[in-house]
Amino acid sequence: MQVYFIDNEDYFKRKATLTDEDGNMFSDNDERAIFFAKG
């Protein structure tokens, strides 16, 4: 099974998924969701 990954330096380079090391949501998660859908 192949998996395709949507990538962008600004949105997905950080070493985390949806929250920072303190558990706070990234402020640009809305734009990341838009980018992911369109990508």
PDB file of all heavy atoms in Angstrom:
ATOM      1  N   MET A   1       0.850  -1.182   0.000  1.00  0.00           N
ATOM      2  CA  MET A   1       0.000   0.000   0.000  1.00  0.00           C
ATOM      3  C   MET A   1       0.893   1.243   0.000  1.00  0.00           C
ATOM      4  O   MET A   1       1.805   1.353   0.814  1.00  0.00           O
ATOM      5  CB  MET A   1      -0.925   0.030   1.223  1.00  0.00           C
ATOM      6  CG  MET A   1      -1.898  -1.128   1.286  1.00  0.00           C
ATOM      7  SD  MET A   1      -3.263  -0.887   2.462  1.00  0.00           S
ATOM      8  CE  MET A   1      -2.399  -0.565   3.996  1.00  0.00           C
ATOM      9  N   GLN A   2       0.607   2.148  -0.922  1.00  0.00           N
ATOM     10  CA  GLN A   2       1.353   3.400  -0.981  1.00  0.00           C
ATOM     11  C   GLN A   2       0.632   4.488  -0.213  1.00  0.00           C
ATOM     12  O   GLN A   2      -0.603   4.558  -0.218  1.00  0.00           O
ATOM     13  CB  GLN A   2       1.539   3.850  -2.432  1.00  0.00           C
ATOM     14  CG  GLN A   2       2.682   3.160  -3.148  1.00  0.00           C
ATOM     15  CD  GLN A   2       3.082   3.899  -4.408  1.00  0.00           C
ATOM     16  OE1 GLN A   2       2.230   4.470  -5.087  1.00  0.00           O
ATOM     17  NE2 GLN A   2       4.372   3.890  -4.723  1.00  0.00           N
ATOM     18  N   VAL A   3       1.417   5.329   0.439  1.00  0.00           N
ATOM     19  CA  VAL A   3       0.874   6.487   1.154  1.00  0.00           C
ATOM     20  C   VAL A   3       1.487   7.741   0.548  1.00  0.00           C
ATOM     21  O   VAL A   3       2.711   7.841   0.388  1.00  0.00           O
ATOM     22  CB  VAL A   3       1.192   6.418   2.662  1.00  0.00           C
ATOM     23  CG1 VAL A   3       0.644   7.654   3.373  1.00  0.00           C
ATOM     24  CG2 VAL A   3       0.611   5.144   3.274  1.00  0.00           C
ATOM     25  N   TYR A   4       0.630   8.686   0.184  1.00  0.00           N
ATOM     26  CA  TYR A   4       1.071   9.972  -0.331  1.00  0.00           C
ATOM     27  C   TYR A   4       1.046  10.999   0.810  1.00  0.00           C
ATOM     28  O   TYR A   4       0.077  11.054   1.579  1.00  0.00           O
ATOM     29  CB  TYR A   4       0.156  10.448  -1.461  1.00  0.00           C
ATOM     30  CG  TYR A   4       0.248   9.612  -2.713  1.00  0.00           C
ATOM     31  CD1 TYR A   4      -0.487   8.438  -2.851  1.00  0.00           C
ATOM     32  CD2 TYR A   4       1.068   9.997  -3.775  1.00  0.00           C
ATOM     33  CE1 TYR A   4      -0.405   7.667  -3.993  1.00  0.00           C
ATOM     34  CE2 TYR A   4       1.158   9.232  -4.925  1.00  0.00           C
ATOM     35  CZ  TYR A   4       0.429   8.073  -5.022  1.00  0.00           C
ATOM     36  OH  TYR A   4       0.510   7.309  -6.161  1.00  0.00           O
ATOM     37  N   PHE A   5       2.096  11.807   0.867  1.00  0.00           N
ATOM     38  CA  PHE A   5       2.225  12.796   1.939  1.00  0.00           C
ATOM     39  C   PHE A   5       2.165  14.210   1.353  1.00  0.00           C
ATOM     40  O   PHE A   5       2.909  14.537   0.427  1.00  0.00           O
ATOM     41  CB  PHE A   5       3.559  12.616   2.671  1.00  0.00           C
ATOM     42  CG  PHE A   5       3.683  11.310   3.401  1.00  0.00           C
ATOM     43  CD1 PHE A   5       4.075  10.162   2.727  1.00  0.00           C
ATOM     44  CD2 PHE A   5       3.404  11.225   4.763  1.00  0.00           C
ATOM     45  CE1 PHE A   5       4.188   8.939   3.395  1.00  0.00           C
ATOM     46  CE2 PHE A   5       3.511  10.016   5.431  1.00  0.00           C
ATOM     47  CZ  PHE A   5       3.904   8.882   4.748  1.00  0.00           C
ATOM     48  N   ILE A   6       1.274  15.023   1.933  1.00  0.00           N
ATOM     49  CA  ILE A   6       1.164  16.424   1.543  1.00  0.00           C
ATOM     50  C   ILE A   6       2.132  17.235   2.405  1.00  0.00           C
ATOM     51  O   ILE A   6       2.043  17.212   3.645  1.00  0.00           O
ATOM     52  CB  ILE A   6      -0.276  16.936   1.748  1.00  0.00           C
ATOM     53  CG1 ILE A   6      -1.262  16.132   0.887  1.00  0.00           C
ATOM     54  CG2 ILE A   6      -0.363  18.434   1.449  1.00  0.00           C
ATOM     55  CD1 ILE A   6      -1.077  16.263  -0.593  1.00  0.00           C
ATOM     56  N   ASP A   7       3.042  17.974   1.759  1.00  0.00           N
ATOM     57  CA  ASP A   7       4.093  18.663   2.498  1.00  0.00           C
ATOM     58  C   ASP A   7       4.201  20.120   2.063  1.00  0.00           C
ATOM     59  O   ASP A   7       3.851  20.479   0.929  1.00  0.00           O
ATOM     60  CB  ASP A   7       5.430  17.948   2.274  1.00  0.00           C
ATOM     61  CG  ASP A   7       6.487  18.312   3.318  1.00  0.00           C
ATOM     62  OD1 ASP A   7       6.168  19.065   4.259  1.00  0.00           O
ATOM     63  OD2 ASP A   7       7.628  17.842   3.180  1.00  0.00           O
ATOM     64  N   ASN A   8       4.670  20.925   2.995  1.00  0.00           N
ATOM     65  CA  ASN A   8       4.966  22.331   2.760  1.00  0.00           C
ATOM     66  C   ASN A   8       5.866  22.802   3.891  1.00  0.00           C
ATOM     67  O   ASN A   8       5.618  22.489   5.062  1.00  0.00           O
ATOM     68  CB  ASN A   8       3.673  23.157   2.705  1.00  0.00           C
ATOM     69  CG  ASN A   8       3.940  24.653   2.683  1.00  0.00           C
ATOM     70  OD1 ASN A   8       4.014  25.281   3.732  1.00  0.00           O
ATOM     71  ND2 ASN A   8       4.077  25.219   1.502  1.00  0.00           N
ATOM     72  N   GLU A   9       6.908  23.539   3.558  1.00  0.00           N
ATOM     73  CA  GLU A   9       7.896  23.957   4.565  1.00  0.00           C
ATOM     74  C   GLU A   9       7.259  24.751   5.699  1.00  0.00           C
ATOM     75  O   GLU A   9       7.577  24.556   6.872  1.00  0.00           O
ATOM     76  CB  GLU A   9       8.994  24.790   3.901  1.00  0.00           C
ATOM     77  CG  GLU A   9       9.944  24.001   3.016  1.00  0.00           C
ATOM     78  CD  GLU A   9      10.998  23.257   3.819  1.00  0.00           C
ATOM     79  OE1 GLU A   9      11.592  23.864   4.727  1.00  0.00           O
ATOM     80  OE2 GLU A   9      11.220  22.062   3.548  1.00  0.00           O
ATOM     81  N   ASP A  10       6.368  25.673   5.368  1.00  0.00           N
ATOM     82  CA  ASP A  10       5.778  26.538   6.397  1.00  0.00           C
ATOM     83  C   ASP A  10       4.797  25.791   7.292  1.00  0.00           C
ATOM     84  O   ASP A  10       4.741  26.032   8.495  1.00  0.00           O
ATOM     85  CB  ASP A  10       5.067  27.729   5.740  1.00  0.00           C
ATOM     86  CG  ASP A  10       6.044  28.684   5.079  1.00  0.00           C
ATOM     87  OD1 ASP A  10       6.724  29.429   5.807  1.00  0.00           O
ATOM     88  OD2 ASP A  10       6.141  28.672   3.837  1.00  0.00           O
ATOM     89  N   TYR A  11       4.021  24.906   6.710  1.00  0.00           N
ATOM     90  CA  TYR A  11       2.948  24.269   7.464  1.00  0.00           C
ATOM     91  C   TYR A  11       3.343  22.967   8.154  1.00  0.00           C
ATOM     92  O   TYR A  11       2.774  22.621   9.191  1.00  0.00           O
ATOM     93  CB  TYR A  11       1.756  23.984   6.538  1.00  0.00           C
ATOM     94  CG  TYR A  11       1.020  25.227   6.091  1.00  0.00           C
ATOM     95  CD1 TYR A  11       0.579  25.354   4.779  1.00  0.00           C
ATOM     96  CD2 TYR A  11       0.753  26.275   6.982  1.00  0.00           C
ATOM     97  CE1 TYR A  11      -0.113  26.485   4.358  1.00  0.00           C
ATOM     98  CE2 TYR A  11       0.081  27.415   6.572  1.00  0.00           C
ATOM     99  CZ  TYR A  11      -0.357  27.516   5.253  1.00  0.00           C
ATOM    100  OH  TYR A  11      -1.032  28.635   4.847  1.00  0.00           O
ATOM    101  N   PHE A  12       4.281  22.222   7.587  1.00  0.00           N
ATOM    102  CA  PHE A  12       4.499  20.872   8.109  1.00  0.00           C
ATOM    103  C   PHE A  12       5.938  20.534   8.487  1.00  0.00           C
ATOM    104  O   PHE A  12       6.208  19.396   8.860  1.00  0.00           O
ATOM    105  CB  PHE A  12       3.962  19.848   7.104  1.00  0.00           C
ATOM    106  CG  PHE A  12       2.472  19.924   6.910  1.00  0.00           C
ATOM    107  CD1 PHE A  12       1.932  20.369   5.714  1.00  0.00           C
ATOM    108  CD2 PHE A  12       1.611  19.588   7.947  1.00  0.00           C
ATOM    109  CE1 PHE A  12       0.558  20.457   5.538  1.00  0.00           C
ATOM    110  CE2 PHE A  12       0.233  19.673   7.777  1.00  0.00           C
ATOM    111  CZ  PHE A  12      -0.299  20.115   6.583  1.00  0.00           C
ATOM    112  N   LYS A  13       6.840  21.491   8.428  1.00  0.00           N
ATOM    113  CA  LYS A  13       8.228  21.169   8.760  1.00  0.00           C
ATOM    114  C   LYS A  13       8.443  20.986  10.263  1.00  0.00           C
ATOM    115  O   LYS A  13       9.284  20.202  10.698  1.00  0.00           O
ATOM    116  CB  LYS A  13       9.172  22.258   8.243  1.00  0.00           C
ATOM    117  CG  LYS A  13      10.639  21.890   8.397  1.00  0.00           C
ATOM    118  CD  LYS A  13      11.549  22.923   7.765  1.00  0.00           C
ATOM    119  CE  LYS A  13      13.005  22.504   7.876  1.00  0.00           C
ATOM    120  NZ  LYS A  13      13.923  23.490   7.257  1.00  0.00           N
ATOM    121  N   ARG A  14       7.683  21.719  11.100  1.00  0.00           N
ATOM    122  CA  ARG A  14       7.862  21.666  12.554  1.00  0.00           C
ATOM    123  C   ARG A  14       7.781  20.232  13.083  1.00  0.00           C
ATOM    124  O   ARG A  14       7.021  19.427  12.567  1.00  0.00           O
ATOM    125  CB  ARG A  14       6.822  22.556  13.238  1.00  0.00           C
ATOM    126  CG  ARG A  14       5.389  22.102  13.059  1.00  0.00           C
ATOM    127  CD  ARG A  14       4.368  23.217  13.270  1.00  0.00           C
ATOM    128  NE  ARG A  14       4.354  24.165  12.186  1.00  0.00           N
ATOM    129  CZ  ARG A  14       3.359  25.010  11.935  1.00  0.00           C
ATOM    130  NH1 ARG A  14       2.302  25.038  12.727  1.00  0.00           N
ATOM    131  NH2 ARG A  14       3.410  25.850  10.926  1.00  0.00           N
ATOM    132  N   LYS A  15       8.549  19.936  14.105  1.00  0.00           N
ATOM    133  CA  LYS A  15       8.675  18.569  14.617  1.00  0.00           C
ATOM    134  C   LYS A  15       7.512  18.203  15.542  1.00  0.00           C
ATOM    135  O   LYS A  15       7.698  17.850  16.714  1.00  0.00           O
ATOM    136  CB  LYS A  15      10.001  18.401  15.363  1.00  0.00           C
ATOM    137  CG  LYS A  15      11.234  18.672  14.507  1.00  0.00           C
ATOM    138  CD  LYS A  15      11.419  17.594  13.454  1.00  0.00           C
ATOM    139  CE  LYS A  15      12.724  17.798  12.681  1.00  0.00           C
ATOM    140  NZ  LYS A  15      12.908  16.794  11.623  1.00  0.00           N
ATOM    141  N   ALA A  16       6.316  18.304  15.047  1.00  0.00           N
ATOM    142  CA  ALA A  16       5.111  18.029  15.834  1.00  0.00           C
ATOM    143  C   ALA A  16       3.948  17.845  14.869  1.00  0.00           C
ATOM    144  O   ALA A  16       4.081  18.089  13.665  1.00  0.00           O
ATOM    145  CB  ALA A  16       4.832  19.173  16.801  1.00  0.00           C
ATOM    146  N   THR A  17       2.805  17.420  15.403  1.00  0.00           N
ATOM    147  CA  THR A  17       1.631  17.243  14.548  1.00  0.00           C
ATOM    148  C   THR A  17       0.702  18.458  14.643  1.00  0.00           C
ATOM    149  O   THR A  17       0.767  19.360  13.821  1.00  0.00           O
ATOM    150  CB  THR A  17       0.871  15.957  14.920  1.00  0.00           C
ATOM    151  OG1 THR A  17       0.614  15.947  16.333  1.00  0.00           O
ATOM    152  CG2 THR A  17       1.676  14.723  14.542  1.00  0.00           C
ATOM    153  N   LEU A  18      -0.141  18.495  15.668  1.00  0.00           N
ATOM    154  CA  LEU A  18      -1.168  19.549  15.745  1.00  0.00           C
ATOM    155  C   LEU A  18      -0.964  20.517  16.907  1.00  0.00           C
ATOM    156  O   LEU A  18      -1.583  21.586  16.934  1.00  0.00           O
ATOM    157  CB  LEU A  18      -2.558  18.901  15.871  1.00  0.00           C
ATOM    158  CG  LEU A  18      -2.924  17.942  14.736  1.00  0.00           C
ATOM    159  CD1 LEU A  18      -4.211  17.201  15.061  1.00  0.00           C
ATOM    160  CD2 LEU A  18      -3.048  18.694  13.423  1.00  0.00           C
ATOM    161  N   THR A  19      -0.094  20.154  17.854  1.00  0.00           N
ATOM    162  CA  THR A  19       0.115  20.996  19.049  1.00  0.00           C
ATOM    163  C   THR A  19       1.614  21.148  19.319  1.00  0.00           C
ATOM    164  O   THR A  19       2.431  20.333  18.884  1.00  0.00           O
ATOM    165  CB  THR A  19      -0.547  20.390  20.297  1.00  0.00           C
ATOM    166  OG1 THR A  19       0.014  19.079  20.535  1.00  0.00           O
ATOM    167  CG2 THR A  19      -2.054  20.243  20.104  1.00  0.00           C
ATOM    168  N   ASP A  20       1.952  22.212  20.078  1.00  0.00           N
ATOM    169  CA  ASP A  20       3.351  22.403  20.457  1.00  0.00           C
ATOM    170  C   ASP A  20       3.681  21.543  21.672  1.00  0.00           C
ATOM    171  O   ASP A  20       2.842  20.761  22.150  1.00  0.00           O
ATOM    172  CB  ASP A  20       3.647  23.888  20.717  1.00  0.00           C
ATOM    173  CG  ASP A  20       2.835  24.468  21.877  1.00  0.00           C
ATOM    174  OD1 ASP A  20       2.377  23.698  22.755  1.00  0.00           O
ATOM    175  OD2 ASP A  20       2.674  25.699  21.926  1.00  0.00           O
ATOM    176  N   GLU A  21       4.895  21.692  22.199  1.00  0.00           N
ATOM    177  CA  GLU A  21       5.356  20.832  23.297  1.00  0.00           C
ATOM    178  C   GLU A  21       4.572  21.057  24.583  1.00  0.00           C
ATOM    179  O   GLU A  21       4.581  20.207  25.471  1.00  0.00           O
ATOM    180  CB  GLU A  21       6.840  21.066  23.547  1.00  0.00           C
ATOM    181  CG  GLU A  21       7.188  22.506  23.875  1.00  0.00           C
ATOM    182  CD  GLU A  21       8.684  22.736  23.930  1.00  0.00           C
ATOM    183  OE1 GLU A  21       9.455  21.885  23.446  1.00  0.00           O
ATOM    184  OE2 GLU A  21       9.080  23.785  24.456  1.00  0.00           O
ATOM    185  N   ASP A  22       3.850  22.170  24.675  1.00  0.00           N
ATOM    186  CA  ASP A  22       3.018  22.439  25.846  1.00  0.00           C
ATOM    187  C   ASP A  22       1.564  22.018  25.636  1.00  0.00           C
ATOM    188  O   ASP A  22       0.710  22.254  26.494  1.00  0.00           O
ATOM    189  CB  ASP A  22       3.067  23.933  26.205  1.00  0.00           C
ATOM    190  CG  ASP A  22       4.467  24.381  26.597  1.00  0.00           C
ATOM    191  OD1 ASP A  22       5.149  23.616  27.321  1.00  0.00           O
ATOM    192  OD2 ASP A  22       4.879  25.472  26.179  1.00  0.00           O
ATOM    193  N   GLY A  23       1.284  21.421  24.480  1.00  0.00           N
ATOM    194  CA  GLY A  23      -0.072  20.964  24.199  1.00  0.00           C
ATOM    195  C   GLY A  23      -0.988  22.012  23.614  1.00  0.00           C
ATOM    196  O   GLY A  23      -2.195  21.785  23.476  1.00  0.00           O
ATOM    197  N   ASN A  24      -0.428  23.168  23.246  1.00  0.00           N
ATOM    198  CA  ASN A  24      -1.239  24.238  22.653  1.00  0.00           C
ATOM    199  C   ASN A  24      -1.378  24.023  21.145  1.00  0.00           C
ATOM    200  O   ASN A  24      -0.409  23.701  20.462  1.00  0.00           O
ATOM    201  CB  ASN A  24      -0.594  25.599  22.917  1.00  0.00           C
ATOM    202  CG  ASN A  24      -0.462  25.900  24.393  1.00  0.00           C
ATOM    203  OD1 ASN A  24      -1.414  25.749  25.158  1.00  0.00           O
ATOM    204  ND2 ASN A  24       0.720  26.321  24.822  1.00  0.00           N
ATOM    205  N   MET A  25      -2.592  24.208  20.657  1.00  0.00           N
ATOM    206  CA  MET A  25      -2.842  24.061  19.220  1.00  0.00           C
ATOM    207  C   MET A  25      -2.049  25.096  18.433  1.00  0.00           C
ATOM    208  O   MET A  25      -1.945  26.252  18.848  1.00  0.00           O
ATOM    209  CB  MET A  25      -4.337  24.241  18.946  1.00  0.00           C
ATOM    210  CG  MET A  25      -5.200  23.134  19.497  1.00  0.00           C
ATOM    211  SD  MET A  25      -5.333  21.756  18.356  1.00  0.00           S
ATOM    212  CE  MET A  25      -6.437  22.444  17.141  1.00  0.00           C
ATOM    213  N   PHE A  26      -1.501  24.687  17.292  1.00  0.00           N
ATOM    214  CA  PHE A  26      -0.807  25.648  16.442  1.00  0.00           C
ATOM    215  C   PHE A  26      -1.807  26.656  15.881  1.00  0.00           C
ATOM    216  O   PHE A  26      -2.918  26.296  15.476  1.00  0.00           O
ATOM    217  CB  PHE A  26      -0.098  24.923  15.300  1.00  0.00           C
ATOM    218  CG  PHE A  26       1.086  24.119  15.736  1.00  0.00           C
ATOM    219  CD1 PHE A  26       1.147  22.757  15.496  1.00  0.00           C
ATOM    220  CD2 PHE A  26       2.139  24.722  16.402  1.00  0.00           C
ATOM    221  CE1 PHE A  26       2.240  22.010  15.892  1.00  0.00           C
ATOM    222  CE2 PHE A  26       3.244  23.980  16.811  1.00  0.00           C
ATOM    223  CZ  PHE A  26       3.294  22.622  16.565  1.00  0.00           C
ATOM    224  N   SER A  27      -1.408  27.919  15.863  1.00  0.00           N
ATOM    225  CA  SER A  27      -2.328  28.990  15.465  1.00  0.00           C
ATOM    226  C   SER A  27      -2.728  28.909  13.995  1.00  0.00           C
ATOM    227  O   SER A  27      -3.745  29.481  13.591  1.00  0.00           O
ATOM    228  CB  SER A  27      -1.690  30.354  15.743  1.00  0.00           C
ATOM    229  OG  SER A  27      -0.485  30.504  15.004  1.00  0.00           O
ATOM    230  N   ASP A  28      -1.929  28.203  13.177  1.00  0.00           N
ATOM    231  CA  ASP A  28      -2.245  28.105  11.744  1.00  0.00           C
ATOM    232  C   ASP A  28      -2.866  26.766  11.366  1.00  0.00           C
ATOM    233  O   ASP A  28      -2.866  26.395  10.184  1.00  0.00           O
ATOM    234  CB  ASP A  28      -1.001  28.370  10.904  1.00  0.00           C
ATOM    235  CG  ASP A  28       0.113  27.349  11.127  1.00  0.00           C
ATOM    236  OD1 ASP A  28      -0.014  26.524  12.062  1.00  0.00           O
ATOM    237  OD2 ASP A  28       1.104  27.373  10.369  1.00  0.00           O
ATOM    238  N   ASN A  29      -3.410  26.037  12.331  1.00  0.00           N
ATOM    239  CA  ASN A  29      -4.026  24.741  12.009  1.00  0.00           C
ATOM    240  C   ASN A  29      -5.170  24.878  11.009  1.00  0.00           C
ATOM    241  O   ASN A  29      -5.441  23.952  10.229  1.00  0.00           O
ATOM    242  CB  ASN A  29      -4.521  24.039  13.268  1.00  0.00           C
ATOM    243  CG  ASN A  29      -3.429  23.241  13.959  1.00  0.00           C
ATOM    244  OD1 ASN A  29      -2.386  22.947  13.382  1.00  0.00           O
ATOM    245  ND2 ASN A  29      -3.661  22.879  15.215  1.00  0.00           N
ATOM    246  N   ASP A  30      -5.841  26.028  11.017  1.00  0.00           N
ATOM    247  CA  ASP A  30      -6.916  26.236  10.042  1.00  0.00           C
ATOM    248  C   ASP A  30      -6.352  26.282   8.623  1.00  0.00           C
ATOM    249  O   ASP A  30      -6.882  25.634   7.707  1.00  0.00           O
ATOM    250  CB  ASP A  30      -7.691  27.523  10.353  1.00  0.00           C
ATOM    251  CG  ASP A  30      -6.829  28.778  10.266  1.00  0.00           C
ATOM    252  OD1 ASP A  30      -5.645  28.725  10.687  1.00  0.00           O
ATOM    253  OD2 ASP A  30      -7.320  29.814   9.783  1.00  0.00           O
ATOM    254  N   GLU A  31      -5.243  26.996   8.440  1.00  0.00           N
ATOM    255  CA  GLU A  31      -4.633  27.085   7.122  1.00  0.00           C
ATOM    256  C   GLU A  31      -4.012  25.749   6.716  1.00  0.00           C
ATOM    257  O   GLU A  31      -4.021  25.385   5.532  1.00  0.00           O
ATOM    258  CB  GLU A  31      -3.575  28.189   7.097  1.00  0.00           C
ATOM    259  CG  GLU A  31      -4.172  29.584   7.274  1.00  0.00           C
ATOM    260  CD  GLU A  31      -3.124  30.679   7.166  1.00  0.00           C
ATOM    261  OE1 GLU A  31      -1.989  30.398   6.732  1.00  0.00           O
ATOM    262  OE2 GLU A  31      -3.463  31.832   7.516  1.00  0.00           O
ATOM    263  N   ARG A  32      -3.499  25.018   7.681  1.00  0.00           N
ATOM    264  CA  ARG A  32      -2.942  23.697   7.391  1.00  0.00           C
ATOM    265  C   ARG A  32      -4.046  22.767   6.875  1.00  0.00           C
ATOM    266  O   ARG A  32      -3.824  21.969   5.958  1.00  0.00           O
ATOM    267  CB  ARG A  32      -2.291  23.111   8.642  1.00  0.00           C
ATOM    268  CG  ARG A  32      -1.104  23.917   9.141  1.00  0.00           C
ATOM    269  CD  ARG A  32      -0.676  23.462  10.518  1.00  0.00           C
ATOM    270  NE  ARG A  32       0.371  22.469  10.462  1.00  0.00           N
ATOM    271  CZ  ARG A  32       0.616  21.571  11.410  1.00  0.00           C
ATOM    272  NH1 ARG A  32      -0.162  21.517  12.484  1.00  0.00           N
ATOM    273  NH2 ARG A  32       1.599  20.709  11.291  1.00  0.00           N
ATOM    274  N   ALA A  33      -5.239  22.871   7.471  1.00  0.00           N
ATOM    275  CA  ALA A  33      -6.369  22.052   7.031  1.00  0.00           C
ATOM    276  C   ALA A  33      -6.805  22.430   5.608  1.00  0.00           C
ATOM    277  O   ALA A  33      -7.120  21.552   4.785  1.00  0.00           O
ATOM    278  CB  ALA A  33      -7.542  22.193   7.996  1.00  0.00           C
ATOM    279  N   ILE A  34      -6.843  23.732   5.320  1.00  0.00           N
ATOM    280  CA  ILE A  34      -7.196  24.186   3.968  1.00  0.00           C
ATOM    281  C   ILE A  34      -6.165  23.688   2.953  1.00  0.00           C
ATOM    282  O   ILE A  34      -6.509  23.161   1.894  1.00  0.00           O
ATOM    283  CB  ILE A  34      -7.300  25.729   3.918  1.00  0.00           C
ATOM    284  CG1 ILE A  34      -8.447  26.228   4.807  1.00  0.00           C
ATOM    285  CG2 ILE A  34      -7.501  26.213   2.478  1.00  0.00           C
ATOM    286  CD1 ILE A  34      -8.461  27.737   5.020  1.00  0.00           C
ATOM    287  N   PHE A  35      -4.888  23.846   3.292  1.00  0.00           N
ATOM    288  CA  PHE A  35      -3.803  23.426   2.406  1.00  0.00           C
ATOM    289  C   PHE A  35      -3.857  21.920   2.164  1.00  0.00           C
ATOM    290  O   PHE A  35      -3.691  21.456   1.030  1.00  0.00           O
ATOM    291  CB  PHE A  35      -2.457  23.812   3.016  1.00  0.00           C
ATOM    292  CG  PHE A  35      -1.277  23.513   2.128  1.00  0.00           C
ATOM    293  CD1 PHE A  35      -0.839  24.446   1.204  1.00  0.00           C
ATOM    294  CD2 PHE A  35      -0.604  22.304   2.225  1.00  0.00           C
ATOM    295  CE1 PHE A  35       0.246  24.173   0.369  1.00  0.00           C
ATOM    296  CE2 PHE A  35       0.477  22.015   1.404  1.00  0.00           C
ATOM    297  CZ  PHE A  35       0.912  22.953   0.476  1.00  0.00           C
ATOM    298  N   PHE A  36      -4.094  21.164   3.228  1.00  0.00           N
ATOM    299  CA  PHE A  36      -4.154  19.708   3.103  1.00  0.00           C
ATOM    300  C   PHE A  36      -5.284  19.289   2.167  1.00  0.00           C
ATOM    301  O   PHE A  36      -5.093  18.472   1.254  1.00  0.00           O
ATOM    302  CB  PHE A  36      -4.323  19.074   4.481  1.00  0.00           C
ATOM    303  CG  PHE A  36      -4.341  17.571   4.472  1.00  0.00           C
ATOM    304  CD1 PHE A  36      -3.337  16.848   3.853  1.00  0.00           C
ATOM    305  CD2 PHE A  36      -5.360  16.870   5.096  1.00  0.00           C
ATOM    306  CE1 PHE A  36      -3.351  15.453   3.835  1.00  0.00           C
ATOM    307  CE2 PHE A  36      -5.386  15.485   5.100  1.00  0.00           C
ATOM    308  CZ  PHE A  36      -4.380  14.774   4.457  1.00  0.00           C
ATOM    309  N   ALA A  37      -6.474  19.859   2.363  1.00  0.00           N
ATOM    310  CA  ALA A  37      -7.619  19.508   1.518  1.00  0.00           C
ATOM    311  C   ALA A  37      -7.340  19.814   0.049  1.00  0.00           C
ATOM    312  O   ALA A  37      -7.529  18.968  -0.839  1.00  0.00           O
ATOM    313  CB  ALA A  37      -8.870  20.249   1.987  1.00  0.00           C
ATOM    314  N   LYS A  38      -6.881  21.019  -0.220  1.00  0.00           N
ATOM    315  CA  LYS A  38      -6.624  21.410  -1.605  1.00  0.00           C
ATOM    316  C   LYS A  38      -5.460  20.615  -2.196  1.00  0.00           C
ATOM    317  O   LYS A  38      -5.468  20.242  -3.375  1.00  0.00           O
ATOM    318  CB  LYS A  38      -6.360  22.924  -1.684  1.00  0.00           C
ATOM    319  CG  LYS A  38      -7.592  23.748  -1.332  1.00  0.00           C
ATOM    320  CD  LYS A  38      -7.290  25.232  -1.217  1.00  0.00           C
ATOM    321  CE  LYS A  38      -7.184  25.903  -2.556  1.00  0.00           C
ATOM    322  NZ  LYS A  38      -7.119  27.394  -2.418  1.00  0.00           N
ATOM    323  N   GLY A  39      -4.453  20.332  -1.348  1.00  0.00           N
ATOM    324  CA  GLY A  39      -3.301  19.575  -1.814  1.00  0.00           C
ATOM    325  C   GLY A  39      -3.667  18.160  -2.222  1.00  0.00           C
ATOM    326  O   GLY A  39      -3.185  17.646  -3.244  1.00  0.00           O
TER     327      GLY A  39
END
